[in-house]
């Protein structure tokens, strides 16, 4: 039995000569949240549609849960859950009736439906509101219910396409927390597409970055920081003249140097020592009082990747 939930090999999809997905080769281990990152239009949604067998590849191949996405697409969709552009809920029905309806579609017994609906609604804090029609619910509450819908039949793998898109920061953070708790509770594999880097950094065990249909980086978020991340260094003190800034910018390990409110801000390449830079400053009669090093965020590394691959 393979330990991979998803395998793709040179997966490619063209639309009118344009490659939306270009020779994509990835492996997604079971039991993790896998982040599939990229700007809008990078090919993320097309990739999900290929993995679900909703469209066929132009070339290459993919397997999901051991099923070939082209020959066994029905089994892929039967064994997995997916939340794509539409939440798939019926707004004139109550939360409970929405899940009851989908439980019947999934072929769950009456007892299974009752127990599972109670379990999920309690876990996401919606049990007390189960009898309400959802049409007046907030977007965040509907999305929580939609995730419960996707998990209802206990699929081992779930596809989530931009689940917090259009949410305000507070609602997005709340939904991320609920999602993280549900994933841990259910023991799922999640394939999560997003262009929200804070979301990926918080939730994902492993990430892949795609741009213009091509895979440009893959690994644990910390690995991407190690490969692409620079360090931001703040130097506090006095005597930071323009000559000092120009001298710093000439150093090979310095990506950029500037001064803001009397503080020198440096971006230096990952792993570089600040000692030679401090020595340089002292040699130019600057007074150094404090040095602060801040590791780049995943968002900064992502932006560097985009700059390097465009």
Protein backbone atom coordinates (compact mmCIF):
# COMPACT_ATOMS: atom_id res chain seq x y z
CA UNK A 1 0.00 0.00 0.00
CA UNK A 2 1.47 3.33 -1.02
CA UNK A 3 2.11 6.00 1.61
CA UNK A 4 1.22 8.68 -0.92
CA UNK A 5 -2.28 10.09 -1.20
CA UNK A 6 -1.50 11.83 -4.49
CA UNK A 7 1.08 11.21 -7.21
CA UNK A 8 1.44 13.16 -10.43
CA UNK A 9 3.96 12.65 -13.22
CA UNK A 10 4.46 15.38 -15.82
CA UNK A 11 0.78 16.28 -15.48
CA UNK A 12 -0.10 18.78 -18.19
CA UNK A 13 -3.29 20.50 -19.29
CA UNK A 14 -3.60 22.88 -22.21
CA UNK A 15 -6.49 25.17 -23.13
CA UNK A 16 -6.33 26.53 -26.66
CA UNK A 17 -2.57 26.18 -26.74
CA UNK A 18 -2.06 27.74 -23.29
CA UNK A 19 -0.57 25.45 -20.65
CA UNK A 20 -2.56 25.99 -17.47
CA UNK A 21 -0.65 23.12 -15.81
CA UNK A 22 2.79 22.37 -17.19
CA UNK A 23 4.61 19.07 -16.47
CA UNK A 24 3.61 18.95 -12.81
CA UNK A 25 5.28 16.19 -10.78
CA UNK A 26 4.46 16.06 -7.07
CA UNK A 27 3.87 13.54 -4.28
CA UNK A 28 1.52 14.19 -1.36
CA UNK A 29 2.07 11.90 1.66
CA UNK A 30 -0.93 10.65 3.57
CA UNK A 31 -1.94 12.35 6.79
CA UNK A 32 -0.65 15.88 6.12
CA UNK A 33 -1.98 19.27 5.07
CA UNK A 34 -0.35 19.94 1.72
CA UNK A 35 -0.38 23.54 0.62
CA UNK A 36 -0.53 24.26 -3.09
CA UNK A 37 0.50 27.89 -3.39
CA UNK A 38 0.50 30.36 -6.21
CA UNK A 39 -0.89 33.68 -7.39
CA UNK A 40 -4.32 33.91 -8.97
CA UNK A 41 -4.25 32.26 -12.40
CA UNK A 42 -1.24 30.08 -11.57
CA UNK A 43 -3.08 26.81 -12.31
CA UNK A 44 -4.16 25.75 -8.81
CA UNK A 45 -7.86 25.18 -9.52
CA UNK A 46 -7.09 23.43 -12.82
CA UNK A 47 -4.81 21.06 -10.91
CA UNK A 48 -7.61 20.17 -8.47
CA UNK A 49 -9.98 19.53 -11.36
CA UNK A 50 -7.39 17.24 -12.94
CA UNK A 51 -6.86 15.37 -9.66
CA UNK A 52 -10.60 14.85 -9.25
CA UNK A 53 -10.90 13.56 -12.80
CA UNK A 54 -13.29 16.37 -13.75
CA UNK A 55 -11.07 17.13 -16.75
CA UNK A 56 -8.53 14.93 -18.52
CA UNK A 57 -4.86 15.84 -18.81
CA UNK A 58 -3.42 16.76 -22.18
CA UNK A 59 -0.46 14.57 -21.22
CA UNK A 60 1.07 13.01 -18.13
CA UNK A 61 -0.73 11.07 -15.41
CA UNK A 62 -1.99 11.27 -11.84
CA UNK A 63 -3.22 8.88 -9.18
CA UNK A 64 -5.29 9.77 -6.12
CA UNK A 65 -5.65 7.26 -3.27
CA UNK A 66 -4.21 4.70 -5.65
CA UNK A 67 -6.81 5.33 -8.38
CA UNK A 68 -5.93 6.57 -11.84
CA UNK A 69 -7.65 9.92 -12.29
CA UNK A 70 -8.43 9.27 -15.95
CA UNK A 71 -9.63 5.65 -15.83
CA UNK A 72 -11.06 5.61 -12.28
CA UNK A 73 -12.32 9.16 -11.81
CA UNK A 74 -15.58 7.98 -10.26
CA UNK A 75 -13.73 6.14 -7.50
CA UNK A 76 -11.50 9.16 -6.87
CA UNK A 77 -14.54 11.36 -6.31
CA UNK A 78 -16.34 8.69 -4.27
CA UNK A 79 -13.41 8.27 -1.87
CA UNK A 80 -12.47 11.94 -1.47
CA UNK A 81 -14.18 15.16 -0.50
CA UNK A 82 -13.96 18.49 -2.30
CA UNK A 83 -14.87 22.08 -1.53
CA UNK A 84 -14.36 24.10 -4.69
CA UNK A 85 -15.72 27.48 -5.79
CA UNK A 86 -19.27 26.85 -4.53
CA UNK A 87 -20.14 25.78 -0.99
CA UNK A 88 -22.78 23.37 -2.33
CA UNK A 89 -25.33 24.19 0.37
CA UNK A 90 -29.07 24.75 0.02
CA UNK A 91 -29.80 28.10 1.61
CA UNK A 92 -33.51 27.46 2.21
CA UNK A 93 -32.70 24.39 4.30
CA UNK A 94 -31.45 24.23 7.88
CA UNK A 95 -27.89 23.23 8.69
CA UNK A 96 -29.10 19.86 9.90
CA UNK A 97 -31.23 19.24 6.80
CA UNK A 98 -28.34 20.15 4.51
CA UNK A 99 -26.16 17.48 6.09
CA UNK A 100 -29.05 15.02 6.22
CA UNK A 101 -29.56 15.47 2.48
CA UNK A 102 -25.91 14.85 1.67
CA UNK A 103 -25.74 11.92 4.07
CA UNK A 104 -28.50 10.23 2.08
CA UNK A 105 -26.63 10.91 -1.16
CA UNK A 106 -23.53 9.28 0.35
CA UNK A 107 -25.61 6.21 1.23
CA UNK A 108 -25.16 6.56 4.98
CA UNK A 109 -27.63 4.76 7.23
CA UNK A 110 -30.05 6.73 9.39
CA UNK A 111 -28.03 6.00 12.52
CA UNK A 112 -24.75 6.91 10.81
CA UNK A 113 -26.21 10.20 9.62
CA UNK A 114 -27.57 11.12 13.02
CA UNK A 115 -24.31 10.36 14.85
CA UNK A 116 -22.06 11.98 12.26
CA UNK A 117 -24.14 15.17 11.96
CA UNK A 118 -24.12 15.57 15.73
CA UNK A 119 -20.39 14.91 15.89
CA UNK A 120 -19.46 17.44 13.21
CA UNK A 121 -21.85 20.22 14.21
CA UNK A 122 -20.74 19.98 17.82
CA UNK A 123 -17.10 20.04 16.81
CA UNK A 124 -17.47 23.24 14.77
CA UNK A 125 -19.76 24.95 17.27
CA UNK A 126 -22.95 24.92 15.16
CA UNK A 127 -25.03 22.31 16.98
CA UNK A 128 -27.18 24.85 18.79
CA UNK A 129 -28.05 26.47 15.45
CA UNK A 130 -28.71 23.27 13.54
CA UNK A 131 -32.44 24.00 13.05
CA UNK A 132 -31.87 27.44 11.48
CA UNK A 133 -32.21 28.05 7.76
CA UNK A 134 -28.73 29.10 6.66
CA UNK A 135 -29.65 31.85 4.18
CA UNK A 136 -28.99 34.58 6.76
CA UNK A 137 -25.83 33.03 8.14
CA UNK A 138 -22.49 34.76 7.73
CA UNK A 139 -20.10 33.65 5.03
CA UNK A 140 -17.83 32.14 7.66
CA UNK A 141 -20.60 30.04 9.22
CA UNK A 142 -21.69 28.77 5.81
CA UNK A 143 -18.11 27.83 4.97
CA UNK A 144 -17.76 25.92 8.25
CA UNK A 145 -20.93 24.01 7.39
CA UNK A 146 -19.61 23.39 3.88
CA UNK A 147 -16.45 21.84 5.35
CA UNK A 148 -18.66 19.64 7.55
CA UNK A 149 -20.54 18.61 4.38
CA UNK A 150 -17.26 17.60 2.74
CA UNK A 151 -16.21 15.55 5.78
CA UNK A 152 -19.60 13.91 6.35
CA UNK A 153 -18.82 10.55 4.73
CA UNK A 154 -15.35 10.32 6.38
CA UNK A 155 -13.20 10.65 3.26
CA UNK A 156 -9.47 10.05 3.83
CA UNK A 157 -8.57 12.91 1.47
CA UNK A 158 -10.13 16.36 1.12
CA UNK A 159 -9.52 19.04 -1.53
CA UNK A 160 -10.06 22.62 -0.38
CA UNK A 161 -9.79 25.36 -3.00
CA UNK A 162 -9.13 28.78 -1.43
CA UNK A 163 -11.40 28.08 1.57
CA UNK A 164 -10.94 31.53 3.15
CA UNK A 165 -11.04 33.61 -0.04
CA UNK A 166 -12.95 36.85 0.45
CA UNK A 167 -13.01 36.58 4.25
CA UNK A 168 -12.03 39.40 6.55
CA UNK A 169 -8.91 38.66 8.66
CA UNK A 170 -10.86 37.76 11.82
CA UNK A 171 -13.23 35.36 10.02
CA UNK A 172 -10.32 33.82 8.08
CA UNK A 173 -8.33 33.20 11.26
CA UNK A 174 -11.36 31.63 12.97
CA UNK A 175 -11.99 29.31 10.02
CA UNK A 176 -8.31 28.32 9.88
CA UNK A 177 -8.44 27.37 13.57
CA UNK A 178 -11.58 25.29 13.04
CA UNK A 179 -10.01 23.63 10.00
CA UNK A 180 -6.79 22.78 11.85
CA UNK A 181 -8.78 21.26 14.73
CA UNK A 182 -10.98 19.25 12.38
CA UNK A 183 -8.01 17.90 10.43
CA UNK A 184 -6.27 16.81 13.62
CA UNK A 185 -9.48 15.24 14.93
CA UNK A 186 -10.32 13.42 11.70
CA UNK A 187 -6.77 12.34 10.75
CA UNK A 188 -7.18 13.59 7.19
CA UNK A 189 -4.98 14.32 4.25
CA UNK A 190 -5.79 17.79 2.92
CA UNK A 191 -4.82 19.28 -0.43
CA UNK A 192 -5.22 23.01 0.17
CA UNK A 193 -4.87 25.64 -2.54
CA UNK A 194 -4.29 29.20 -1.44
CA UNK A 195 -2.51 32.42 -2.26
CA UNK A 196 -2.67 33.41 1.41
CA UNK A 197 0.87 32.81 2.65
CA UNK A 198 0.04 33.33 6.33
CA UNK A 199 -2.58 30.60 5.96
CA UNK A 200 -0.09 28.19 4.43
CA UNK A 201 2.58 28.94 7.02
CA UNK A 202 0.11 28.31 9.85
CA UNK A 203 -1.60 25.19 8.51
CA UNK A 204 0.65 23.28 6.13
CA UNK A 205 3.13 20.48 6.79
CA UNK A 206 4.45 20.68 3.25
CA UNK A 207 3.98 23.17 0.43
CA UNK A 208 4.47 23.37 -3.31
CA UNK A 209 4.68 26.67 -5.16
CA UNK A 210 3.29 26.95 -8.69
CA UNK A 211 3.51 29.88 -11.09
CA UNK A 212 2.23 30.03 -14.66
CA UNK A 213 1.42 26.32 -14.46
CA UNK A 214 4.93 25.22 -13.48
CA UNK A 215 6.20 23.91 -10.16
CA UNK A 216 8.96 26.21 -8.92
CA UNK A 217 9.56 25.01 -5.35
CA UNK A 218 8.46 22.27 -2.96
CA UNK A 219 9.19 21.31 0.64
CA UNK A 220 8.42 22.00 4.26
CA UNK A 221 7.77 25.73 4.80
CA UNK A 222 11.04 25.94 6.76
CA UNK A 223 12.90 24.34 3.84
CA UNK A 224 11.57 27.02 1.51
CA UNK A 225 12.72 29.64 3.97
CA UNK A 226 16.14 28.01 4.03
CA UNK A 227 16.42 27.86 0.27
CA UNK A 228 14.90 31.20 -0.63
CA UNK A 229 14.74 33.17 2.58
CA UNK A 230 16.87 36.13 3.26
CA UNK A 231 17.35 37.62 6.66
CA UNK A 232 16.24 41.07 7.62
CA UNK A 233 18.71 42.80 9.93
CA UNK A 234 18.06 46.00 11.84
CA UNK A 235 21.07 47.95 13.10
CA UNK A 236 20.49 50.64 15.70
CA UNK A 237 23.07 53.30 16.48
CA UNK A 238 24.46 56.59 15.14
CA UNK A 239 26.63 57.90 12.34
CA UNK A 240 24.90 56.01 9.51
CA UNK A 241 25.88 58.28 6.61
CA UNK A 242 25.07 57.80 2.96
CA UNK A 243 28.64 56.53 2.53
CA UNK A 244 27.89 53.79 5.06
CA UNK A 245 24.78 52.68 3.14
CA UNK A 246 26.65 52.71 -0.18
CA UNK A 247 29.48 50.63 1.33
CA UNK A 248 27.00 48.08 2.70
CA UNK A 249 25.27 47.76 -0.68
CA UNK A 250 28.62 46.83 -2.25
CA UNK A 251 29.01 43.79 -0.03
CA UNK A 252 28.23 40.46 -1.80
CA UNK A 253 26.07 39.10 1.04
CA UNK A 254 23.93 42.24 1.14
CA UNK A 255 20.82 42.08 -1.05
CA UNK A 256 19.74 45.59 -0.10
CA UNK A 257 20.61 48.24 2.47
CA UNK A 258 18.75 51.38 3.45
CA UNK A 259 18.04 53.66 6.35
CA UNK A 260 14.68 54.49 7.91
CA UNK A 261 14.18 56.69 10.99
CA UNK A 262 17.88 56.40 11.78
CA UNK A 263 17.83 52.58 11.68
CA UNK A 264 19.83 50.66 9.07
CA UNK A 265 17.68 47.97 7.42
CA UNK A 266 19.60 45.19 5.68
CA UNK A 267 18.44 42.21 3.66
CA UNK A 268 21.25 39.69 3.60
CA UNK A 269 21.45 36.26 2.02
CA UNK A 270 20.42 33.29 4.14
CA UNK A 271 23.18 32.01 6.43
CA UNK A 272 25.37 35.10 6.12
CA UNK A 273 27.16 36.41 9.19
CA UNK A 274 26.59 39.96 10.35
CA UNK A 275 30.05 40.19 11.98
CA UNK A 276 31.88 41.47 8.86
CA UNK A 277 29.16 44.06 8.30
CA UNK A 278 29.43 45.36 11.86
CA UNK A 279 33.21 45.54 11.44
CA UNK A 280 32.68 47.56 8.25
CA UNK A 281 30.37 49.99 10.04
CA UNK A 282 32.78 50.50 12.91
CA UNK A 283 35.59 51.07 10.40
CA UNK A 284 33.50 53.85 8.86
CA UNK A 285 33.12 55.52 12.29
CA UNK A 286 29.50 54.46 12.80
CA UNK A 287 28.40 53.61 16.36
CA UNK A 288 26.53 50.31 16.62
CA UNK A 289 24.31 49.92 19.68
CA UNK A 290 22.06 46.98 18.78
CA UNK A 291 21.70 44.40 16.00
CA UNK A 292 18.41 42.52 15.45
CA UNK A 293 18.11 39.63 13.02
CA UNK A 294 14.65 38.60 11.78
CA UNK A 295 14.13 35.50 9.61
CA UNK A 296 12.07 36.12 6.50
CA UNK A 297 8.46 35.00 6.49
CA UNK A 298 7.09 32.48 4.02
CA UNK A 299 5.40 35.42 2.30
CA UNK A 300 8.74 37.15 1.72
CA UNK A 301 10.24 33.92 0.39
CA UNK A 302 7.22 33.42 -1.86
CA UNK A 303 7.62 36.91 -3.31
CA UNK A 304 11.31 36.23 -3.95
CA UNK A 305 10.35 33.04 -5.78
CA UNK A 306 7.86 34.92 -7.93
CA UNK A 307 10.44 37.59 -8.73
CA UNK A 308 13.00 34.98 -9.66
CA UNK A 309 10.71 32.95 -11.95
CA UNK A 310 8.84 35.63 -13.87
